């Protein structure tokens, strides 16, 4: 199995890399510049790529000839919550987060779509914070809007890649204790990744374009 993960140097991305290496897959791990935890991993089935998904210049490194599973994990939260309130969020913050969290996965798929293997899967890591149905607390404008837009992009990808038998899912990882959350969360990285990997193993049990949580439940949006 050939797996490519973006944002792979830490957090969920590093967790995905470790999970699929343990499962025997060959993994291409993309990081923006600092390989982080990737540097300590055995390199026998691990290939590192430099890829800043916020830019148009694409990856630096040798890409796989074909990809069975593409995990678009790279993302940012943006400014602290207090700076994403109605009175404080700026247009630039909105654009910066949107560029990474929504346009970034689109850039990646545009660059790699010809390498996606028939029967392959694209997983776009979104968040329940992108669900309008679930939004009862307001605020966090930049992050919510970017993750909501990613759900729409994922749905279009599902339609456009169907002819090549590529299945697309958006995933909600849960509230995970990572650097992005300041170490706060209800579950750890291993629990989240194991759950999402199980969903991806059963990807075709879900409609292409669906939004699925790490525990296998559908998320309304």
N, C-alpha and C. Protein backbone atom coordinates (compact mmCIF):
# COMPACT_ATOMS: atom_id res chain seq x y z
N UNK A 1 0.85 -1.19 0.00
CA UNK A 1 0.00 0.00 0.00
C UNK A 1 0.88 1.24 0.00
N UNK A 2 0.55 2.19 -0.83
CA UNK A 2 1.33 3.43 -0.97
C UNK A 2 0.51 4.59 -0.42
N UNK A 3 1.05 5.23 0.62
CA UNK A 3 0.33 6.26 1.35
C UNK A 3 1.12 7.56 1.30
N UNK A 4 0.44 8.69 1.04
CA UNK A 4 1.09 10.00 1.12
C UNK A 4 0.33 10.84 2.13
N UNK A 5 1.06 11.43 3.08
CA UNK A 5 0.48 12.23 4.16
C UNK A 5 1.11 13.61 4.12
N UNK A 6 0.29 14.66 4.13
CA UNK A 6 0.82 16.02 4.26
C UNK A 6 0.76 16.46 5.72
N UNK A 7 1.55 17.48 6.04
CA UNK A 7 1.60 17.93 7.43
C UNK A 7 2.06 16.83 8.36
N UNK A 8 3.10 16.09 7.93
CA UNK A 8 3.44 14.82 8.57
C UNK A 8 4.49 14.93 9.67
N UNK A 9 4.98 16.11 9.97
CA UNK A 9 6.08 16.23 10.90
C UNK A 9 5.70 16.13 12.36
N UNK A 10 4.43 16.28 12.67
CA UNK A 10 4.01 16.26 14.08
C UNK A 10 2.51 15.96 14.15
N UNK A 11 2.02 15.80 15.35
CA UNK A 11 0.58 15.67 15.58
C UNK A 11 -0.04 14.52 14.83
N UNK A 12 -1.23 14.78 14.28
CA UNK A 12 -1.97 13.74 13.57
C UNK A 12 -1.20 13.22 12.36
N UNK A 13 -0.52 14.12 11.64
CA UNK A 13 0.22 13.69 10.47
C UNK A 13 1.29 12.67 10.82
N UNK A 14 2.06 12.96 11.86
CA UNK A 14 3.09 12.02 12.31
C UNK A 14 2.44 10.73 12.79
N UNK A 15 1.29 10.86 13.47
CA UNK A 15 0.57 9.67 13.92
C UNK A 15 0.14 8.79 12.76
N UNK A 16 -0.33 9.40 11.67
CA UNK A 16 -0.70 8.62 10.49
C UNK A 16 0.51 7.91 9.90
N UNK A 17 1.63 8.62 9.80
CA UNK A 17 2.84 8.01 9.25
C UNK A 17 3.24 6.78 10.07
N UNK A 18 3.27 6.93 11.38
CA UNK A 18 3.66 5.82 12.25
C UNK A 18 2.67 4.65 12.12
N UNK A 19 1.39 4.97 12.05
CA UNK A 19 0.37 3.92 11.94
C UNK A 19 0.56 3.11 10.66
N UNK A 20 0.72 3.78 9.54
CA UNK A 20 0.80 3.05 8.27
C UNK A 20 2.15 2.36 8.08
N UNK A 21 3.21 2.90 8.66
CA UNK A 21 4.48 2.17 8.63
C UNK A 21 4.35 0.87 9.41
N UNK A 22 3.72 0.93 10.58
CA UNK A 22 3.52 -0.29 11.36
C UNK A 22 2.67 -1.31 10.61
N UNK A 23 1.76 -0.80 9.77
CA UNK A 23 0.88 -1.70 9.01
C UNK A 23 1.55 -2.26 7.77
N UNK A 24 2.79 -1.86 7.51
CA UNK A 24 3.53 -2.41 6.38
C UNK A 24 3.46 -1.59 5.11
N UNK A 25 2.85 -0.42 5.15
CA UNK A 25 2.74 0.42 3.96
C UNK A 25 4.06 1.13 3.67
N UNK A 26 4.19 1.58 2.44
CA UNK A 26 5.26 2.49 2.07
C UNK A 26 4.67 3.90 2.12
N UNK A 27 5.35 4.79 2.83
CA UNK A 27 4.76 6.09 3.15
C UNK A 27 5.64 7.22 2.63
N UNK A 28 5.01 8.17 1.98
CA UNK A 28 5.63 9.43 1.59
C UNK A 28 5.10 10.49 2.54
N UNK A 29 5.98 11.10 3.32
CA UNK A 29 5.59 12.03 4.37
C UNK A 29 6.03 13.43 3.99
N UNK A 30 5.07 14.31 3.81
CA UNK A 30 5.35 15.68 3.38
C UNK A 30 5.35 16.61 4.59
N UNK A 31 6.38 17.43 4.67
CA UNK A 31 6.49 18.42 5.74
C UNK A 31 6.88 19.76 5.13
N UNK A 32 6.57 20.84 5.84
CA UNK A 32 6.80 22.17 5.29
C UNK A 32 8.27 22.54 5.23
N UNK A 33 9.05 22.11 6.20
CA UNK A 33 10.47 22.45 6.23
C UNK A 33 11.21 21.71 7.31
N UNK A 34 10.64 21.68 8.51
CA UNK A 34 11.22 20.96 9.63
C UNK A 34 10.58 19.58 9.68
N UNK A 35 11.36 18.51 9.51
CA UNK A 35 10.76 17.17 9.52
C UNK A 35 10.23 16.73 10.88
N UNK A 36 10.59 17.45 11.93
CA UNK A 36 10.06 17.15 13.25
C UNK A 36 10.31 15.70 13.63
N UNK A 37 9.24 15.02 14.07
CA UNK A 37 9.36 13.64 14.53
C UNK A 37 9.69 12.65 13.43
N UNK A 38 9.59 13.04 12.18
CA UNK A 38 9.93 12.14 11.09
C UNK A 38 11.41 11.77 11.09
N UNK A 39 12.25 12.68 11.58
CA UNK A 39 13.69 12.47 11.53
C UNK A 39 14.12 11.25 12.33
N UNK A 40 13.33 10.87 13.32
CA UNK A 40 13.69 9.75 14.19
C UNK A 40 13.18 8.40 13.70
N UNK A 41 12.42 8.40 12.61
CA UNK A 41 11.78 7.17 12.15
C UNK A 41 12.70 6.38 11.21
N UNK A 42 12.52 5.07 11.22
CA UNK A 42 13.24 4.19 10.30
C UNK A 42 12.85 4.55 8.87
N UNK A 43 13.85 4.66 7.99
CA UNK A 43 13.61 5.17 6.63
C UNK A 43 13.43 4.08 5.57
N UNK A 44 13.35 2.82 5.97
CA UNK A 44 13.30 1.75 4.97
C UNK A 44 12.10 1.88 4.05
N UNK A 45 10.93 2.18 4.58
CA UNK A 45 9.71 2.36 3.78
C UNK A 45 9.16 3.76 3.89
N UNK A 46 10.00 4.70 4.31
CA UNK A 46 9.57 6.08 4.52
C UNK A 46 10.35 7.01 3.60
N UNK A 47 9.62 7.84 2.85
CA UNK A 47 10.23 8.81 1.95
C UNK A 47 9.76 10.20 2.37
N UNK A 48 10.70 11.13 2.54
CA UNK A 48 10.36 12.47 2.98
C UNK A 48 10.25 13.42 1.78
N UNK A 49 9.26 14.29 1.84
CA UNK A 49 9.06 15.33 0.84
C UNK A 49 8.97 16.67 1.54
N UNK A 50 9.52 17.70 0.93
CA UNK A 50 9.27 19.06 1.42
C UNK A 50 8.11 19.63 0.61
N UNK A 51 7.09 20.06 1.31
CA UNK A 51 5.90 20.56 0.60
C UNK A 51 5.16 21.55 1.48
N UNK A 52 5.22 22.80 1.09
CA UNK A 52 4.44 23.84 1.76
C UNK A 52 3.15 24.00 0.97
N UNK A 53 2.05 23.48 1.49
CA UNK A 53 0.80 23.44 0.73
C UNK A 53 0.18 24.81 0.56
N UNK A 54 0.74 25.83 1.23
CA UNK A 54 0.23 27.19 1.05
C UNK A 54 0.80 27.86 -0.19
N UNK A 55 1.73 27.19 -0.86
CA UNK A 55 2.40 27.75 -2.03
C UNK A 55 2.05 26.95 -3.28
N UNK A 56 2.26 27.56 -4.43
CA UNK A 56 1.92 26.93 -5.70
C UNK A 56 3.07 26.14 -6.32
N UNK A 57 4.24 26.14 -5.68
CA UNK A 57 5.40 25.56 -6.37
C UNK A 57 5.54 24.05 -6.17
N UNK A 58 4.64 23.43 -5.43
CA UNK A 58 4.59 21.98 -5.38
C UNK A 58 5.66 21.34 -4.52
N UNK A 59 5.72 20.00 -4.52
CA UNK A 59 6.62 19.27 -3.63
C UNK A 59 8.05 19.24 -4.13
N UNK A 60 8.98 19.07 -3.19
CA UNK A 60 10.39 18.89 -3.50
C UNK A 60 10.79 17.50 -3.01
N UNK A 61 11.06 16.61 -3.94
CA UNK A 61 11.38 15.24 -3.62
C UNK A 61 10.78 14.31 -4.65
N UNK A 62 11.06 13.04 -4.51
CA UNK A 62 10.59 12.04 -5.46
C UNK A 62 9.21 11.55 -5.04
N UNK A 63 8.23 11.76 -5.90
CA UNK A 63 6.86 11.35 -5.62
C UNK A 63 6.65 9.87 -5.94
N UNK A 64 5.67 9.24 -5.31
CA UNK A 64 5.35 7.85 -5.65
C UNK A 64 4.78 7.75 -7.05
N UNK A 65 5.01 6.66 -7.76
CA UNK A 65 4.43 6.51 -9.09
C UNK A 65 2.92 6.38 -9.04
N UNK A 66 2.40 5.85 -7.94
CA UNK A 66 0.95 5.71 -7.76
C UNK A 66 0.66 5.82 -6.26
N UNK A 67 -0.54 6.30 -5.94
CA UNK A 67 -0.92 6.53 -4.54
C UNK A 67 -2.24 5.82 -4.27
N UNK A 68 -2.23 4.96 -3.27
CA UNK A 68 -3.46 4.26 -2.88
C UNK A 68 -4.27 5.06 -1.86
N UNK A 69 -3.58 5.81 -1.02
CA UNK A 69 -4.24 6.61 0.01
C UNK A 69 -3.52 7.94 0.15
N UNK A 70 -4.26 9.02 -0.07
CA UNK A 70 -3.74 10.38 0.11
C UNK A 70 -4.44 11.01 1.29
N UNK A 71 -3.67 11.42 2.30
CA UNK A 71 -4.25 12.05 3.49
C UNK A 71 -3.83 13.51 3.52
N UNK A 72 -4.77 14.39 3.25
CA UNK A 72 -4.54 15.83 3.31
C UNK A 72 -4.74 16.28 4.75
N UNK A 73 -3.64 16.26 5.49
CA UNK A 73 -3.69 16.58 6.91
C UNK A 73 -3.16 17.97 7.24
N UNK A 74 -2.30 18.53 6.40
CA UNK A 74 -1.68 19.82 6.70
C UNK A 74 -2.75 20.88 6.94
N UNK A 75 -2.59 21.61 8.02
CA UNK A 75 -3.57 22.66 8.32
C UNK A 75 -3.09 23.52 9.47
N UNK A 76 -3.73 24.67 9.63
CA UNK A 76 -3.41 25.59 10.71
C UNK A 76 -4.70 26.03 11.38
N UNK A 77 -4.58 26.44 12.63
CA UNK A 77 -5.73 27.01 13.35
C UNK A 77 -5.86 28.50 13.05
N UNK A 78 -4.73 29.15 12.83
CA UNK A 78 -4.75 30.59 12.63
C UNK A 78 -4.55 31.32 13.95
N UNK A 79 -4.95 32.59 14.03
CA UNK A 79 -4.76 33.36 15.26
C UNK A 79 -5.49 32.72 16.44
N UNK A 80 -5.09 33.04 17.66
CA UNK A 80 -5.82 32.54 18.83
C UNK A 80 -7.30 32.87 18.77
N UNK A 81 -8.09 32.10 19.51
CA UNK A 81 -9.55 32.22 19.46
C UNK A 81 -10.01 33.65 19.67
N UNK A 82 -9.38 34.36 20.60
CA UNK A 82 -9.80 35.75 20.88
C UNK A 82 -9.61 36.66 19.68
N UNK A 83 -8.70 36.29 18.80
CA UNK A 83 -8.46 37.10 17.60
C UNK A 83 -9.24 36.59 16.39
N UNK A 84 -10.13 35.61 16.62
CA UNK A 84 -11.01 35.14 15.56
C UNK A 84 -12.48 35.40 15.91
N UNK A 85 -12.70 36.35 16.79
CA UNK A 85 -14.06 36.74 17.16
C UNK A 85 -14.61 37.72 16.14
N UNK A 86 -15.91 37.96 16.21
CA UNK A 86 -16.56 38.87 15.25
C UNK A 86 -15.90 40.23 15.21
N UNK A 87 -15.53 40.75 16.38
CA UNK A 87 -14.97 42.11 16.43
C UNK A 87 -13.48 42.16 16.13
N UNK A 88 -12.82 41.01 16.11
CA UNK A 88 -11.36 41.03 16.03
C UNK A 88 -10.78 40.34 14.81
N UNK A 89 -11.49 39.42 14.18
CA UNK A 89 -10.91 38.69 13.06
C UNK A 89 -10.66 39.64 11.89
N UNK A 90 -9.52 39.46 11.23
CA UNK A 90 -9.15 40.33 10.13
C UNK A 90 -9.32 39.62 8.79
N UNK A 91 -9.51 40.38 7.71
CA UNK A 91 -9.55 39.75 6.39
C UNK A 91 -8.30 38.94 6.09
N UNK A 92 -7.13 39.43 6.53
CA UNK A 92 -5.90 38.70 6.25
C UNK A 92 -5.87 37.37 6.98
N UNK A 93 -6.35 37.33 8.22
CA UNK A 93 -6.41 36.06 8.95
C UNK A 93 -7.33 35.08 8.24
N UNK A 94 -8.48 35.57 7.77
CA UNK A 94 -9.40 34.71 7.03
C UNK A 94 -8.71 34.11 5.81
N UNK A 95 -8.01 34.95 5.06
CA UNK A 95 -7.36 34.49 3.84
C UNK A 95 -6.22 33.54 4.12
N UNK A 96 -5.44 33.81 5.17
CA UNK A 96 -4.30 32.95 5.49
C UNK A 96 -4.75 31.54 5.86
N UNK A 97 -5.77 31.43 6.70
CA UNK A 97 -6.25 30.12 7.12
C UNK A 97 -6.93 29.40 5.96
N UNK A 98 -7.72 30.13 5.19
CA UNK A 98 -8.39 29.55 4.02
C UNK A 98 -7.36 29.00 3.04
N UNK A 99 -6.26 29.73 2.86
CA UNK A 99 -5.24 29.31 1.90
C UNK A 99 -4.63 27.96 2.28
N UNK A 100 -4.37 27.75 3.56
CA UNK A 100 -3.76 26.50 3.99
C UNK A 100 -4.79 25.38 4.12
N UNK A 101 -5.90 25.67 4.80
CA UNK A 101 -6.83 24.61 5.20
C UNK A 101 -7.80 24.19 4.11
N UNK A 102 -8.05 25.05 3.14
CA UNK A 102 -8.96 24.70 2.05
C UNK A 102 -8.25 24.63 0.70
N UNK A 103 -7.56 25.71 0.34
CA UNK A 103 -6.87 25.71 -0.95
C UNK A 103 -5.70 24.73 -0.94
N UNK A 104 -5.06 24.55 0.23
CA UNK A 104 -3.93 23.62 0.32
C UNK A 104 -4.28 22.21 -0.14
N UNK A 105 -5.32 21.58 0.42
CA UNK A 105 -5.69 20.25 -0.06
C UNK A 105 -6.06 20.22 -1.54
N UNK A 106 -6.66 21.30 -2.04
CA UNK A 106 -6.97 21.36 -3.47
C UNK A 106 -5.69 21.38 -4.29
N UNK A 107 -4.70 22.17 -3.86
CA UNK A 107 -3.40 22.19 -4.56
C UNK A 107 -2.80 20.78 -4.61
N UNK A 108 -2.86 20.09 -3.48
CA UNK A 108 -2.25 18.77 -3.39
C UNK A 108 -2.93 17.81 -4.37
N UNK A 109 -4.24 17.80 -4.40
CA UNK A 109 -4.96 16.89 -5.30
C UNK A 109 -4.72 17.28 -6.75
N UNK A 110 -4.66 18.56 -7.04
CA UNK A 110 -4.35 18.98 -8.41
C UNK A 110 -2.98 18.47 -8.83
N UNK A 111 -2.02 18.51 -7.91
CA UNK A 111 -0.66 18.06 -8.24
C UNK A 111 -0.56 16.55 -8.38
N UNK A 112 -1.42 15.82 -7.66
CA UNK A 112 -1.26 14.37 -7.57
C UNK A 112 -2.37 13.57 -8.24
N UNK A 113 -3.41 14.22 -8.77
CA UNK A 113 -4.58 13.44 -9.19
C UNK A 113 -4.24 12.40 -10.26
N UNK A 114 -3.26 12.69 -11.10
CA UNK A 114 -2.89 11.71 -12.14
C UNK A 114 -2.19 10.49 -11.53
N UNK A 115 -1.68 10.62 -10.30
CA UNK A 115 -1.01 9.51 -9.64
C UNK A 115 -1.94 8.71 -8.72
N UNK A 116 -3.17 9.17 -8.53
CA UNK A 116 -4.09 8.45 -7.66
C UNK A 116 -4.49 7.14 -8.33
N UNK A 117 -4.28 6.04 -7.64
CA UNK A 117 -4.56 4.73 -8.21
C UNK A 117 -6.06 4.49 -8.29
N UNK A 118 -6.54 3.86 -9.36
CA UNK A 118 -7.95 3.46 -9.39
C UNK A 118 -8.29 2.63 -8.16
N UNK A 119 -9.39 2.96 -7.52
CA UNK A 119 -9.74 2.30 -6.27
C UNK A 119 -9.11 2.94 -5.06
N UNK A 120 -8.35 4.02 -5.28
CA UNK A 120 -7.69 4.71 -4.17
C UNK A 120 -8.64 5.60 -3.39
N UNK A 121 -8.11 6.19 -2.31
CA UNK A 121 -8.91 7.01 -1.40
C UNK A 121 -8.17 8.33 -1.14
N UNK A 122 -8.94 9.41 -1.14
CA UNK A 122 -8.45 10.72 -0.70
C UNK A 122 -9.17 11.06 0.60
N UNK A 123 -8.41 11.36 1.63
CA UNK A 123 -8.97 11.75 2.93
C UNK A 123 -8.58 13.18 3.23
N UNK A 124 -9.55 14.04 3.37
CA UNK A 124 -9.32 15.44 3.71
C UNK A 124 -9.68 15.65 5.18
N UNK A 125 -8.70 16.05 5.99
CA UNK A 125 -8.94 16.23 7.42
C UNK A 125 -9.60 17.58 7.65
N UNK A 126 -10.86 17.54 8.00
CA UNK A 126 -11.61 18.75 8.30
C UNK A 126 -11.80 18.83 9.81
N UNK A 127 -12.93 19.30 10.26
CA UNK A 127 -13.23 19.41 11.68
C UNK A 127 -14.72 19.63 11.84
N UNK A 128 -15.26 19.12 12.94
CA UNK A 128 -16.67 19.39 13.23
C UNK A 128 -16.94 20.88 13.38
N UNK A 129 -15.88 21.66 13.62
CA UNK A 129 -16.04 23.11 13.69
C UNK A 129 -16.41 23.70 12.33
N UNK A 130 -16.25 22.92 11.26
CA UNK A 130 -16.69 23.36 9.95
C UNK A 130 -18.14 23.03 9.66
N UNK A 131 -18.82 22.40 10.62
CA UNK A 131 -20.23 22.03 10.44
C UNK A 131 -21.13 23.19 10.86
N UNK A 132 -21.93 23.70 9.94
CA UNK A 132 -22.90 24.75 10.30
C UNK A 132 -23.95 24.19 11.25
N UNK A 133 -24.32 22.93 11.06
CA UNK A 133 -25.33 22.31 11.92
C UNK A 133 -24.85 22.25 13.36
N UNK A 134 -23.56 22.02 13.55
CA UNK A 134 -23.01 21.84 14.89
C UNK A 134 -22.62 23.16 15.56
N UNK A 135 -22.64 24.24 14.80
CA UNK A 135 -22.14 25.52 15.33
C UNK A 135 -23.19 26.20 16.21
N UNK A 136 -22.99 26.09 17.51
CA UNK A 136 -23.89 26.74 18.47
C UNK A 136 -23.15 27.73 19.36
N UNK A 137 -21.85 27.88 19.12
CA UNK A 137 -21.06 28.77 19.98
C UNK A 137 -20.49 29.96 19.23
N UNK A 138 -20.60 29.97 17.89
CA UNK A 138 -20.11 31.11 17.12
C UNK A 138 -18.60 31.25 17.18
N UNK A 139 -18.12 32.42 16.75
CA UNK A 139 -16.70 32.72 16.81
C UNK A 139 -15.84 31.84 15.92
N UNK A 140 -14.54 31.93 16.15
CA UNK A 140 -13.53 31.15 15.42
C UNK A 140 -13.78 31.22 13.91
N UNK A 141 -13.96 32.44 13.43
CA UNK A 141 -14.42 32.66 12.05
C UNK A 141 -13.49 32.07 11.00
N UNK A 142 -12.20 32.30 11.13
CA UNK A 142 -11.29 31.86 10.07
C UNK A 142 -11.23 30.34 9.99
N UNK A 143 -11.05 29.69 11.12
CA UNK A 143 -10.90 28.24 11.13
C UNK A 143 -12.20 27.56 10.72
N UNK A 144 -13.32 28.01 11.28
CA UNK A 144 -14.61 27.41 10.92
C UNK A 144 -14.88 27.54 9.42
N UNK A 145 -14.67 28.72 8.88
CA UNK A 145 -14.99 28.96 7.47
C UNK A 145 -14.11 28.13 6.55
N UNK A 146 -12.83 28.02 6.88
CA UNK A 146 -11.92 27.25 6.03
C UNK A 146 -12.26 25.77 6.05
N UNK A 147 -12.57 25.24 7.23
CA UNK A 147 -12.90 23.82 7.33
C UNK A 147 -14.27 23.53 6.69
N UNK A 148 -15.19 24.49 6.75
CA UNK A 148 -16.48 24.32 6.06
C UNK A 148 -16.26 24.30 4.55
N UNK A 149 -15.43 25.20 4.07
CA UNK A 149 -15.16 25.25 2.63
C UNK A 149 -14.49 23.97 2.15
N UNK A 150 -13.65 23.39 3.00
CA UNK A 150 -13.00 22.12 2.63
C UNK A 150 -14.03 21.02 2.42
N UNK A 151 -15.10 21.03 3.20
CA UNK A 151 -16.16 20.03 3.01
C UNK A 151 -16.79 20.16 1.62
N UNK A 152 -16.98 21.39 1.17
CA UNK A 152 -17.55 21.62 -0.16
C UNK A 152 -16.57 21.17 -1.24
N UNK A 153 -15.30 21.50 -1.06
CA UNK A 153 -14.27 21.08 -2.01
C UNK A 153 -14.20 19.55 -2.07
N UNK A 154 -14.30 18.89 -0.93
CA UNK A 154 -14.25 17.43 -0.89
C UNK A 154 -15.41 16.81 -1.66
N UNK A 155 -16.57 17.41 -1.51
CA UNK A 155 -17.74 16.89 -2.23
C UNK A 155 -17.53 17.01 -3.73
N UNK A 156 -17.00 18.13 -4.18
CA UNK A 156 -16.73 18.29 -5.62
C UNK A 156 -15.66 17.30 -6.08
N UNK A 157 -14.64 17.10 -5.27
CA UNK A 157 -13.62 16.10 -5.61
C UNK A 157 -14.25 14.71 -5.76
N UNK A 158 -15.18 14.39 -4.87
CA UNK A 158 -15.83 13.08 -4.93
C UNK A 158 -16.53 12.89 -6.26
N UNK A 159 -17.19 13.92 -6.74
CA UNK A 159 -17.87 13.85 -8.03
C UNK A 159 -16.87 13.75 -9.17
N UNK A 160 -15.85 14.60 -9.12
CA UNK A 160 -14.93 14.70 -10.24
C UNK A 160 -13.97 13.51 -10.35
N UNK A 161 -13.71 12.83 -9.23
CA UNK A 161 -12.79 11.69 -9.26
C UNK A 161 -13.50 10.35 -9.37
N UNK A 162 -14.82 10.38 -9.39
CA UNK A 162 -15.59 9.13 -9.41
C UNK A 162 -15.29 8.31 -10.67
N UNK A 163 -15.11 8.97 -11.79
CA UNK A 163 -14.86 8.24 -13.04
C UNK A 163 -13.55 7.45 -12.97
N UNK A 164 -12.64 7.86 -12.11
CA UNK A 164 -11.37 7.15 -11.94
C UNK A 164 -11.42 6.20 -10.74
N UNK A 165 -12.62 6.02 -10.20
CA UNK A 165 -12.85 5.10 -9.08
C UNK A 165 -12.05 5.49 -7.84
N UNK A 166 -11.85 6.79 -7.67
CA UNK A 166 -11.19 7.30 -6.47
C UNK A 166 -12.27 7.80 -5.51
N UNK A 167 -12.21 7.33 -4.27
CA UNK A 167 -13.21 7.63 -3.25
C UNK A 167 -12.68 8.75 -2.37
N UNK A 168 -13.54 9.68 -2.00
CA UNK A 168 -13.14 10.84 -1.20
C UNK A 168 -13.96 10.90 0.08
N UNK A 169 -13.29 11.11 1.21
CA UNK A 169 -13.97 11.33 2.48
C UNK A 169 -13.38 12.54 3.17
N UNK A 170 -14.23 13.29 3.87
CA UNK A 170 -13.76 14.28 4.83
C UNK A 170 -13.82 13.62 6.21
N UNK A 171 -12.82 13.91 7.04
CA UNK A 171 -12.74 13.27 8.34
C UNK A 171 -12.70 14.29 9.47
N UNK A 172 -13.44 14.00 10.54
CA UNK A 172 -13.35 14.76 11.78
C UNK A 172 -12.52 13.95 12.76
N UNK A 173 -11.34 14.45 13.16
CA UNK A 173 -10.47 13.64 14.02
C UNK A 173 -10.87 13.61 15.48
N UNK A 174 -11.88 14.39 15.87
CA UNK A 174 -12.20 14.55 17.28
C UNK A 174 -11.40 15.69 17.87
N UNK A 175 -11.62 15.95 19.15
CA UNK A 175 -10.83 16.97 19.84
C UNK A 175 -9.60 16.27 20.40
N UNK A 176 -8.48 16.46 19.69
CA UNK A 176 -7.27 15.69 19.95
C UNK A 176 -6.25 16.57 20.65
N UNK A 177 -5.58 16.00 21.62
CA UNK A 177 -4.52 16.71 22.33
C UNK A 177 -3.28 16.76 21.44
N UNK A 178 -3.04 17.92 20.80
CA UNK A 178 -1.88 18.13 19.94
C UNK A 178 -1.31 19.52 20.22
N UNK A 179 -0.25 19.87 19.50
CA UNK A 179 0.30 21.22 19.62
C UNK A 179 -0.75 22.26 19.24
N UNK A 180 -1.58 21.95 18.24
CA UNK A 180 -2.58 22.91 17.78
C UNK A 180 -3.58 23.25 18.87
N UNK A 181 -3.89 22.27 19.72
CA UNK A 181 -4.87 22.49 20.78
C UNK A 181 -4.20 22.84 22.11
N UNK A 182 -2.89 23.10 22.07
CA UNK A 182 -2.19 23.40 23.30
C UNK A 182 -2.12 22.23 24.26
N UNK A 183 -2.19 21.03 23.71
CA UNK A 183 -2.13 19.83 24.53
C UNK A 183 -3.44 19.46 25.19
N UNK A 184 -4.50 20.24 24.89
CA UNK A 184 -5.82 19.94 25.46
C UNK A 184 -6.63 19.11 24.48
N UNK A 185 -7.48 18.24 24.98
CA UNK A 185 -8.33 17.43 24.12
C UNK A 185 -8.96 16.30 24.88
N UNK A 186 -9.90 15.64 24.23
CA UNK A 186 -10.61 14.51 24.85
C UNK A 186 -9.96 13.17 24.52
N UNK A 187 -9.18 13.14 23.43
CA UNK A 187 -8.53 11.89 23.03
C UNK A 187 -7.10 12.19 22.61
N UNK A 188 -6.28 11.14 22.56
CA UNK A 188 -4.90 11.33 22.13
C UNK A 188 -4.77 11.03 20.63
N UNK A 189 -3.58 11.32 20.11
CA UNK A 189 -3.33 11.15 18.68
C UNK A 189 -3.54 9.71 18.25
N UNK A 190 -3.06 8.77 19.03
CA UNK A 190 -3.14 7.36 18.64
C UNK A 190 -4.59 6.90 18.50
N UNK A 191 -5.44 7.34 19.43
CA UNK A 191 -6.86 6.97 19.38
C UNK A 191 -7.52 7.56 18.15
N UNK A 192 -7.25 8.83 17.88
CA UNK A 192 -7.84 9.49 16.71
C UNK A 192 -7.39 8.84 15.42
N UNK A 193 -6.09 8.62 15.28
CA UNK A 193 -5.55 8.04 14.05
C UNK A 193 -6.06 6.62 13.84
N UNK A 194 -6.09 5.82 14.90
CA UNK A 194 -6.59 4.45 14.76
C UNK A 194 -8.04 4.45 14.30
N UNK A 195 -8.85 5.35 14.84
CA UNK A 195 -10.25 5.43 14.42
C UNK A 195 -10.39 5.86 12.98
N UNK A 196 -9.66 6.90 12.58
CA UNK A 196 -9.74 7.38 11.20
C UNK A 196 -9.21 6.34 10.22
N UNK A 197 -8.14 5.64 10.60
CA UNK A 197 -7.60 4.59 9.73
C UNK A 197 -8.61 3.47 9.53
N UNK A 198 -9.37 3.16 10.57
CA UNK A 198 -10.41 2.14 10.43
C UNK A 198 -11.51 2.62 9.49
N UNK A 199 -11.89 3.89 9.60
CA UNK A 199 -12.86 4.45 8.65
C UNK A 199 -12.33 4.35 7.23
N UNK A 200 -11.07 4.68 7.03
CA UNK A 200 -10.49 4.64 5.69
C UNK A 200 -10.39 3.22 5.16
N UNK A 201 -10.17 2.27 6.04
CA UNK A 201 -10.15 0.85 5.62
C UNK A 201 -11.51 0.45 5.08
N UNK A 202 -12.55 1.05 5.63
CA UNK A 202 -13.93 0.74 5.23
C UNK A 202 -14.54 1.88 4.39
N UNK A 203 -13.70 2.62 3.69
CA UNK A 203 -14.14 3.88 3.06
C UNK A 203 -15.38 3.71 2.19
N UNK A 204 -15.47 2.60 1.50
CA UNK A 204 -16.58 2.44 0.56
C UNK A 204 -17.89 2.03 1.23
N UNK A 205 -17.88 1.91 2.53
CA UNK A 205 -19.14 1.77 3.26
C UNK A 205 -19.86 3.12 3.37
N UNK A 206 -19.12 4.19 3.04
CA UNK A 206 -19.67 5.54 3.09
C UNK A 206 -19.79 6.10 1.68
N UNK A 207 -20.77 6.97 1.48
CA UNK A 207 -20.88 7.67 0.20
C UNK A 207 -19.66 8.53 -0.02
N UNK A 208 -19.14 8.54 -1.25
CA UNK A 208 -18.01 9.40 -1.54
C UNK A 208 -18.41 10.86 -1.33
N UNK A 209 -17.56 11.58 -0.61
CA UNK A 209 -17.87 12.96 -0.26
C UNK A 209 -18.44 13.11 1.14
N UNK A 210 -18.68 11.99 1.83
CA UNK A 210 -19.27 12.04 3.17
C UNK A 210 -18.29 12.64 4.17
N UNK A 211 -18.84 13.14 5.28
CA UNK A 211 -18.07 13.69 6.38
C UNK A 211 -18.21 12.73 7.55
N UNK A 212 -17.12 12.10 7.95
CA UNK A 212 -17.15 11.00 8.91
C UNK A 212 -16.22 11.30 10.07
N UNK A 213 -16.69 11.06 11.29
CA UNK A 213 -15.87 11.25 12.48
C UNK A 213 -14.97 10.04 12.71
N UNK A 214 -13.98 10.24 13.56
CA UNK A 214 -13.01 9.17 13.86
C UNK A 214 -13.66 7.92 14.42
N UNK A 215 -14.85 8.07 15.02
CA UNK A 215 -15.53 6.90 15.58
C UNK A 215 -16.47 6.24 14.58
N UNK A 216 -16.45 6.69 13.33
CA UNK A 216 -17.24 6.07 12.28
C UNK A 216 -18.61 6.68 12.08
N UNK A 217 -18.99 7.64 12.91
CA UNK A 217 -20.31 8.27 12.77
C UNK A 217 -20.28 9.36 11.71
N UNK A 218 -21.41 9.52 11.02
CA UNK A 218 -21.53 10.60 10.04
C UNK A 218 -21.74 11.93 10.75
N UNK A 219 -21.10 12.96 10.22
CA UNK A 219 -21.22 14.31 10.80
C UNK A 219 -22.09 15.15 9.88
N UNK A 220 -23.20 15.67 10.36
CA UNK A 220 -24.02 16.55 9.51
C UNK A 220 -23.33 17.89 9.31
N UNK A 221 -23.49 18.45 8.13
CA UNK A 221 -22.88 19.75 7.90
C UNK A 221 -23.69 20.62 6.97
